[in-house]
Protein backbone atom coordinates (compact mmCIF):
# COMPACT_ATOMS: atom_id res chain seq x y z
CA UNK A 1 0.00 0.00 0.00
CA UNK A 2 1.54 3.28 -1.04
CA UNK A 3 -0.62 5.68 0.93
CA UNK A 4 1.17 8.78 2.17
CA UNK A 5 4.54 8.27 0.52
CA UNK A 6 4.41 11.85 -0.74
CA UNK A 7 3.04 15.14 0.52
CA UNK A 8 0.23 14.89 -2.03
CA UNK A 9 -0.83 11.55 -0.60
CA UNK A 10 -0.91 13.02 2.92
CA UNK A 11 -3.03 15.88 1.63
CA UNK A 12 -5.41 13.44 -0.03
CA UNK A 13 -5.68 11.39 3.16
CA UNK A 14 -6.42 14.47 5.27
CA UNK A 15 -9.00 15.74 2.78
CA UNK A 16 -10.65 12.30 2.64
CA UNK A 17 -10.84 12.15 6.44
CA UNK A 18 -12.24 15.66 6.64
CA UNK A 19 -14.98 14.70 4.18
CA UNK A 20 -15.88 11.20 5.33
CA UNK A 21 -15.16 11.61 9.05
CA UNK A 22 -18.08 13.97 9.78
CA UNK A 23 -20.39 11.84 7.65
CA UNK A 24 -19.49 8.74 9.66
CA UNK A 25 -19.98 10.62 12.94
CA UNK A 26 -23.39 11.90 11.77
CA UNK A 27 -24.46 8.36 10.86
CA UNK A 28 -23.43 7.04 14.28
CA UNK A 29 -25.25 9.87 16.08
CA UNK A 30 -28.37 9.25 13.98
CA UNK A 31 -28.38 5.54 14.82
CA UNK A 32 -27.94 6.22 18.54
CA UNK A 33 -30.73 8.82 18.60
CA UNK A 34 -33.18 6.68 16.62
CA UNK A 35 -32.54 3.62 18.78
CA UNK A 36 -33.25 5.71 21.88
CA UNK A 37 -36.63 6.59 20.38
CA UNK A 38 -37.91 3.10 21.28
CA UNK A 39 -37.58 3.88 24.99
CA UNK A 40 -39.24 7.29 24.76
CA UNK A 41 -42.35 7.45 27.03
CA UNK A 42 -44.27 9.51 24.46
CA UNK A 43 -43.47 6.97 21.76
CA UNK A 44 -44.64 4.10 24.00
CA UNK A 45 -47.86 5.96 24.82
CA UNK A 46 -48.52 6.61 21.13
CA UNK A 47 -48.00 2.92 20.30
CA UNK A 48 -50.37 1.87 23.09
CA UNK A 49 -53.01 4.32 21.85
CA UNK A 50 -52.55 3.05 18.30
CA UNK A 51 -53.01 -0.57 19.45
CA UNK A 52 -56.16 0.36 21.39
CA UNK A 53 -57.56 2.20 18.37
CA UNK A 54 -56.89 -0.76 16.08
CA UNK A 55 -58.56 -3.12 18.57
CA UNK A 56 -61.65 -0.88 18.75
CA UNK A 57 -61.83 -0.75 14.95
CA UNK A 58 -61.53 -4.56 14.75
CA UNK A 59 -64.28 -4.97 17.36
CA UNK A 60 -66.58 -2.56 15.48
CA UNK A 61 -65.95 -4.37 12.21
CA UNK A 62 -66.66 -7.75 13.85
CA UNK A 63 -69.98 -6.43 15.27
CA UNK A 64 -71.10 -5.20 11.84
CA UNK A 65 -70.51 -8.61 10.26
PDB file of N, CA and C in Angstrom:
ATOM      1  N   UNK A   1       0.854  -1.175   0.000  1.00  0.00           N
ATOM      2  CA  UNK A   1       0.000   0.000   0.000  1.00  0.00           C
ATOM      3  C   UNK A   1       0.895   1.232   0.000  1.00  0.00           C
ATOM      4  N   UNK A   2       0.653   2.121  -0.894  1.00  0.00           N
ATOM      5  CA  UNK A   2       1.542   3.275  -1.039  1.00  0.00           C
ATOM      6  C   UNK A   2       0.894   4.570  -0.570  1.00  0.00           C
ATOM      7  N   UNK A   3       0.031   4.485   0.416  1.00  0.00           N
ATOM      8  CA  UNK A   3      -0.622   5.676   0.926  1.00  0.00           C
ATOM      9  C   UNK A   3       0.374   6.530   1.700  1.00  0.00           C
ATOM     10  N   UNK A   4       0.395   7.788   1.433  1.00  0.00           N
ATOM     11  CA  UNK A   4       1.168   8.784   2.166  1.00  0.00           C
ATOM     12  C   UNK A   4       2.672   8.657   1.985  1.00  0.00           C
ATOM     13  N   UNK A   5       3.108   8.259   0.807  1.00  0.00           N
ATOM     14  CA  UNK A   5       4.542   8.271   0.515  1.00  0.00           C
ATOM     15  C   UNK A   5       5.005   9.669   0.125  1.00  0.00           C
ATOM     16  N   UNK A   6       4.069  10.482  -0.340  1.00  0.00           N
ATOM     17  CA  UNK A   6       4.414  11.850  -0.745  1.00  0.00           C
ATOM     18  C   UNK A   6       3.512  12.829  -0.002  1.00  0.00           C
ATOM     19  N   UNK A   7       3.848  14.101  -0.114  1.00  0.00           N
ATOM     20  CA  UNK A   7       3.036  15.142   0.521  1.00  0.00           C
ATOM     21  C   UNK A   7       1.639  15.171  -0.087  1.00  0.00           C
ATOM     22  N   UNK A   8       1.541  14.903  -1.384  1.00  0.00           N
ATOM     23  CA  UNK A   8       0.235  14.890  -2.032  1.00  0.00           C
ATOM     24  C   UNK A   8      -0.647  13.786  -1.456  1.00  0.00           C
ATOM     25  N   UNK A   9      -0.060  12.657  -1.162  1.00  0.00           N
ATOM     26  CA  UNK A   9      -0.831  11.552  -0.596  1.00  0.00           C
ATOM     27  C   UNK A   9      -1.324  11.918   0.805  1.00  0.00           C
ATOM     28  N   UNK A  10      -0.462  12.583   1.591  1.00  0.00           N
ATOM     29  CA  UNK A  10      -0.915  13.018   2.916  1.00  0.00           C
ATOM     30  C   UNK A  10      -2.063  14.003   2.791  1.00  0.00           C
ATOM     31  N   UNK A  11      -1.961  14.903   1.842  1.00  0.00           N
ATOM     32  CA  UNK A  11      -3.030  15.881   1.627  1.00  0.00           C
ATOM     33  C   UNK A  11      -4.323  15.170   1.249  1.00  0.00           C
ATOM     34  N   UNK A  12      -4.215  14.189   0.373  1.00  0.00           N
ATOM     35  CA  UNK A  12      -5.405  13.439  -0.034  1.00  0.00           C
ATOM     36  C   UNK A  12      -6.013  12.690   1.153  1.00  0.00           C
ATOM     37  N   UNK A  13      -5.179  12.122   1.997  1.00  0.00           N
ATOM     38  CA  UNK A  13      -5.676  11.392   3.164  1.00  0.00           C
ATOM     39  C   UNK A  13      -6.381  12.337   4.131  1.00  0.00           C
ATOM     40  N   UNK A  14      -5.808  13.495   4.361  1.00  0.00           N
ATOM     41  CA  UNK A  14      -6.418  14.468   5.272  1.00  0.00           C
ATOM     42  C   UNK A  14      -7.735  14.980   4.702  1.00  0.00           C
ATOM     43  N   UNK A  15      -7.762  15.268   3.416  1.00  0.00           N
ATOM     44  CA  UNK A  15      -9.001  15.737   2.778  1.00  0.00           C
ATOM     45  C   UNK A  15     -10.071  14.644   2.846  1.00  0.00           C
ATOM     46  N   UNK A  16      -9.681  13.408   2.581  1.00  0.00           N
ATOM     47  CA  UNK A  16     -10.646  12.299   2.637  1.00  0.00           C
ATOM     48  C   UNK A  16     -11.219  12.154   4.047  1.00  0.00           C
ATOM     49  N   UNK A  17     -10.358  12.242   5.063  1.00  0.00           N
ATOM     50  CA  UNK A  17     -10.842  12.147   6.440  1.00  0.00           C
ATOM     51  C   UNK A  17     -11.743  13.321   6.805  1.00  0.00           C
ATOM     52  N   UNK A  18     -11.421  14.500   6.302  1.00  0.00           N
ATOM     53  CA  UNK A  18     -12.243  15.663   6.637  1.00  0.00           C
ATOM     54  C   UNK A  18     -13.602  15.605   5.946  1.00  0.00           C
ATOM     55  N   UNK A  19     -13.688  14.851   4.866  1.00  0.00           N
ATOM     56  CA  UNK A  19     -14.977  14.700   4.182  1.00  0.00           C
ATOM     57  C   UNK A  19     -15.768  13.545   4.786  1.00  0.00           C
ATOM     58  N   UNK A  20     -15.155  12.386   4.912  1.00  0.00           N
ATOM     59  CA  UNK A  20     -15.881  11.198   5.327  1.00  0.00           C
ATOM     60  C   UNK A  20     -15.990  11.052   6.841  1.00  0.00           C
ATOM     61  N   UNK A  21     -15.096  11.669   7.591  1.00  0.00           N
ATOM     62  CA  UNK A  21     -15.163  11.607   9.050  1.00  0.00           C
ATOM     63  C   UNK A  21     -16.458  12.179   9.611  1.00  0.00           C
ATOM     64  N   UNK A  22     -16.818  13.411   9.273  1.00  0.00           N
ATOM     65  CA  UNK A  22     -18.078  13.974   9.779  1.00  0.00           C
ATOM     66  C   UNK A  22     -19.316  13.194   9.322  1.00  0.00           C
ATOM     67  N   UNK A  23     -19.260  12.643   8.127  1.00  0.00           N
ATOM     68  CA  UNK A  23     -20.389  11.835   7.647  1.00  0.00           C
ATOM     69  C   UNK A  23     -20.542  10.590   8.513  1.00  0.00           C
ATOM     70  N   UNK A  24     -19.444   9.939   8.810  1.00  0.00           N
ATOM     71  CA  UNK A  24     -19.493   8.744   9.657  1.00  0.00           C
ATOM     72  C   UNK A  24     -19.992   9.091  11.059  1.00  0.00           C
ATOM     73  N   UNK A  25     -19.535  10.200  11.607  1.00  0.00           N
ATOM     74  CA  UNK A  25     -19.981  10.624  12.936  1.00  0.00           C
ATOM     75  C   UNK A  25     -21.483  10.923  12.922  1.00  0.00           C
ATOM     76  N   UNK A  26     -21.958  11.593  11.878  1.00  0.00           N
ATOM     77  CA  UNK A  26     -23.386  11.897  11.767  1.00  0.00           C
ATOM     78  C   UNK A  26     -24.224  10.624  11.682  1.00  0.00           C
ATOM     79  N   UNK A  27     -23.732   9.630  10.966  1.00  0.00           N
ATOM     80  CA  UNK A  27     -24.458   8.356  10.860  1.00  0.00           C
ATOM     81  C   UNK A  27     -24.539   7.680  12.226  1.00  0.00           C
ATOM     82  N   UNK A  28     -23.441   7.670  12.951  1.00  0.00           N
ATOM     83  CA  UNK A  28     -23.432   7.044  14.281  1.00  0.00           C
ATOM     84  C   UNK A  28     -24.389   7.769  15.218  1.00  0.00           C
ATOM     85  N   UNK A  29     -24.357   9.087  15.217  1.00  0.00           N
ATOM     86  CA  UNK A  29     -25.254   9.867  16.081  1.00  0.00           C
ATOM     87  C   UNK A  29     -26.708   9.594  15.715  1.00  0.00           C
ATOM     88  N   UNK A  30     -27.009   9.528  14.430  1.00  0.00           N
ATOM     89  CA  UNK A  30     -28.372   9.249  13.982  1.00  0.00           C
ATOM     90  C   UNK A  30     -28.850   7.891  14.469  1.00  0.00           C
ATOM     91  N   UNK A  31     -28.010   6.887  14.366  1.00  0.00           N
ATOM     92  CA  UNK A  31     -28.381   5.539  14.815  1.00  0.00           C
ATOM     93  C   UNK A  31     -28.635   5.536  16.322  1.00  0.00           C
ATOM     94  N   UNK A  32     -27.774   6.179  17.085  1.00  0.00           N
ATOM     95  CA  UNK A  32     -27.936   6.220  18.545  1.00  0.00           C
ATOM     96  C   UNK A  32     -29.240   6.928  18.916  1.00  0.00           C
ATOM     97  N   UNK A  33     -29.525   8.049  18.277  1.00  0.00           N
ATOM     98  CA  UNK A  33     -30.732   8.815  18.601  1.00  0.00           C
ATOM     99  C   UNK A  33     -31.981   8.029  18.221  1.00  0.00           C
ATOM    100  N   UNK A  34     -31.991   7.414  17.052  1.00  0.00           N
ATOM    101  CA  UNK A  34     -33.181   6.684  16.618  1.00  0.00           C
ATOM    102  C   UNK A  34     -33.411   5.426  17.443  1.00  0.00           C
ATOM    103  N   UNK A  35     -32.365   4.793  17.915  1.00  0.00           N
ATOM    104  CA  UNK A  35     -32.543   3.624  18.781  1.00  0.00           C
ATOM    105  C   UNK A  35     -33.101   4.042  20.130  1.00  0.00           C
ATOM    106  N   UNK A  36     -32.726   5.208  20.611  1.00  0.00           N
ATOM    107  CA  UNK A  36     -33.251   5.712  21.877  1.00  0.00           C
ATOM    108  C   UNK A  36     -34.726   6.051  21.790  1.00  0.00           C
ATOM    109  N   UNK A  37     -35.228   6.254  20.588  1.00  0.00           N
ATOM    110  CA  UNK A  37     -36.633   6.591  20.385  1.00  0.00           C
ATOM    111  C   UNK A  37     -37.549   5.479  20.893  1.00  0.00           C
ATOM    112  N   UNK A  38     -37.099   4.233  20.841  1.00  0.00           N
ATOM    113  CA  UNK A  38     -37.915   3.104  21.281  1.00  0.00           C
ATOM    114  C   UNK A  38     -38.249   3.199  22.766  1.00  0.00           C
ATOM    115  N   UNK A  39     -37.381   3.798  23.550  1.00  0.00           N
ATOM    116  CA  UNK A  39     -37.576   3.884  24.991  1.00  0.00           C
ATOM    117  C   UNK A  39     -38.234   5.194  25.419  1.00  0.00           C
ATOM    118  N   UNK A  40     -38.623   6.004  24.468  1.00  0.00           N
ATOM    119  CA  UNK A  40     -39.238   7.287  24.760  1.00  0.00           C
ATOM    120  C   UNK A  40     -40.657   7.071  25.303  1.00  0.00           C
ATOM    121  N   UNK A  41     -41.009   7.649  26.464  1.00  0.00           N
ATOM    122  CA  UNK A  41     -42.347   7.449  27.028  1.00  0.00           C
ATOM    123  C   UNK A  41     -43.463   7.920  26.089  1.00  0.00           C
ATOM    124  N   UNK A  42     -43.254   9.029  25.398  1.00  0.00           N
ATOM    125  CA  UNK A  42     -44.274   9.507  24.464  1.00  0.00           C
ATOM    126  C   UNK A  42     -44.476   8.521  23.315  1.00  0.00           C
ATOM    127  N   UNK A  43     -43.393   7.959  22.844  1.00  0.00           N
ATOM    128  CA  UNK A  43     -43.472   6.974  21.762  1.00  0.00           C
ATOM    129  C   UNK A  43     -44.216   5.726  22.235  1.00  0.00           C
ATOM    130  N   UNK A  44     -43.954   5.268  23.451  1.00  0.00           N
ATOM    131  CA  UNK A  44     -44.640   4.098  23.995  1.00  0.00           C
ATOM    132  C   UNK A  44     -46.129   4.381  24.184  1.00  0.00           C
ATOM    133  N   UNK A  45     -46.454   5.584  24.643  1.00  0.00           N
ATOM    134  CA  UNK A  45     -47.857   5.963  24.819  1.00  0.00           C
ATOM    135  C   UNK A  45     -48.575   5.998  23.476  1.00  0.00           C
ATOM    136  N   UNK A  46     -47.918   6.550  22.454  1.00  0.00           N
ATOM    137  CA  UNK A  46     -48.524   6.613  21.135  1.00  0.00           C
ATOM    138  C   UNK A  46     -48.777   5.203  20.583  1.00  0.00           C
ATOM    139  N   UNK A  47     -47.819   4.304  20.777  1.00  0.00           N
ATOM    140  CA  UNK A  47     -48.000   2.924  20.299  1.00  0.00           C
ATOM    141  C   UNK A  47     -49.153   2.240  21.025  1.00  0.00           C
ATOM    142  N   UNK A  48     -49.271   2.464  22.320  1.00  0.00           N
ATOM    143  CA  UNK A  48     -50.374   1.867  23.085  1.00  0.00           C
ATOM    144  C   UNK A  48     -51.708   2.414  22.604  1.00  0.00           C
ATOM    145  N   UNK A  49     -51.780   3.720  22.368  1.00  0.00           N
ATOM    146  CA  UNK A  49     -53.009   4.320  21.849  1.00  0.00           C
ATOM    147  C   UNK A  49     -53.346   3.772  20.467  1.00  0.00           C
ATOM    148  N   UNK A  50     -52.326   3.592  19.644  1.00  0.00           N
ATOM    149  CA  UNK A  50     -52.547   3.051  18.296  1.00  0.00           C
ATOM    150  C   UNK A  50     -53.082   1.622  18.381  1.00  0.00           C
ATOM    151  N   UNK A  51     -52.517   0.805  19.272  1.00  0.00           N
ATOM    152  CA  UNK A  51     -53.007  -0.572  19.447  1.00  0.00           C
ATOM    153  C   UNK A  51     -54.458  -0.578  19.919  1.00  0.00           C
ATOM    154  N   UNK A  52     -54.786   0.290  20.880  1.00  0.00           N
ATOM    155  CA  UNK A  52     -56.157   0.360  21.393  1.00  0.00           C
ATOM    156  C   UNK A  52     -57.118   0.787  20.288  1.00  0.00           C
ATOM    157  N   UNK A  53     -56.723   1.750  19.486  1.00  0.00           N
ATOM    158  CA  UNK A  53     -57.558   2.202  18.373  1.00  0.00           C
ATOM    159  C   UNK A  53     -57.800   1.074  17.374  1.00  0.00           C
ATOM    160  N   UNK A  54     -56.744   0.341  17.035  1.00  0.00           N
ATOM    161  CA  UNK A  54     -56.895  -0.764  16.085  1.00  0.00           C
ATOM    162  C   UNK A  54     -57.790  -1.861  16.646  1.00  0.00           C
ATOM    163  N   UNK A  55     -57.691  -2.120  17.947  1.00  0.00           N
ATOM    164  CA  UNK A  55     -58.564  -3.123  18.569  1.00  0.00           C
ATOM    165  C   UNK A  55     -60.019  -2.681  18.543  1.00  0.00           C
ATOM    166  N   UNK A  56     -60.276  -1.397  18.817  1.00  0.00           N
ATOM    167  CA  UNK A  56     -61.652  -0.877  18.749  1.00  0.00           C
ATOM    168  C   UNK A  56     -62.213  -0.999  17.344  1.00  0.00           C
ATOM    169  N   UNK A  57     -61.384  -0.654  16.347  1.00  0.00           N
ATOM    170  CA  UNK A  57     -61.833  -0.754  14.952  1.00  0.00           C
ATOM    171  C   UNK A  57     -62.153  -2.196  14.592  1.00  0.00           C
ATOM    172  N   UNK A  58     -61.301  -3.141  15.025  1.00  0.00           N
ATOM    173  CA  UNK A  58     -61.535  -4.555  14.750  1.00  0.00           C
ATOM    174  C   UNK A  58     -62.823  -5.031  15.399  1.00  0.00           C
ATOM    175  N   UNK A  59     -63.068  -4.572  16.641  1.00  0.00           N
ATOM    176  CA  UNK A  59     -64.278  -4.968  17.361  1.00  0.00           C
ATOM    177  C   UNK A  59     -65.513  -4.406  16.664  1.00  0.00           C
ATOM    178  N   UNK A  60     -65.445  -3.163  16.190  1.00  0.00           N
ATOM    179  CA  UNK A  60     -66.580  -2.559  15.479  1.00  0.00           C
ATOM    180  C   UNK A  60     -66.847  -3.301  14.181  1.00  0.00           C
ATOM    181  N   UNK A  61     -65.795  -3.659  13.470  1.00  0.00           N
ATOM    182  CA  UNK A  61     -65.950  -4.372  12.207  1.00  0.00           C
ATOM    183  C   UNK A  61     -66.547  -5.760  12.450  1.00  0.00           C
ATOM    184  N   UNK A  62     -66.140  -6.407  13.534  1.00  0.00           N
ATOM    185  CA  UNK A  62     -66.661  -7.749  13.854  1.00  0.00           C
ATOM    186  C   UNK A  62     -68.146  -7.658  14.218  1.00  0.00           C
ATOM    187  N   UNK A  63     -68.562  -6.593  14.897  1.00  0.00           N
ATOM    188  CA  UNK A  63     -69.977  -6.427  15.274  1.00  0.00           C
ATOM    189  C   UNK A  63     -70.847  -6.207  14.039  1.00  0.00           C
ATOM    190  N   UNK A  64     -70.332  -5.481  13.051  1.00  0.00           N
ATOM    191  CA  UNK A  64     -71.101  -5.200  11.841  1.00  0.00           C
ATOM    192  C   UNK A  64     -71.333  -6.446  11.017  1.00  0.00           C
ATOM    193  N   UNK A  65     -70.409  -7.393  11.077  1.00  0.00           N
ATOM    194  CA  UNK A  65     -70.514  -8.608  10.261  1.00  0.00           C
ATOM    195  C   UNK A  65     -71.473  -9.579  10.812  1.00  0.00           C
TER     196      UNK A  65
END
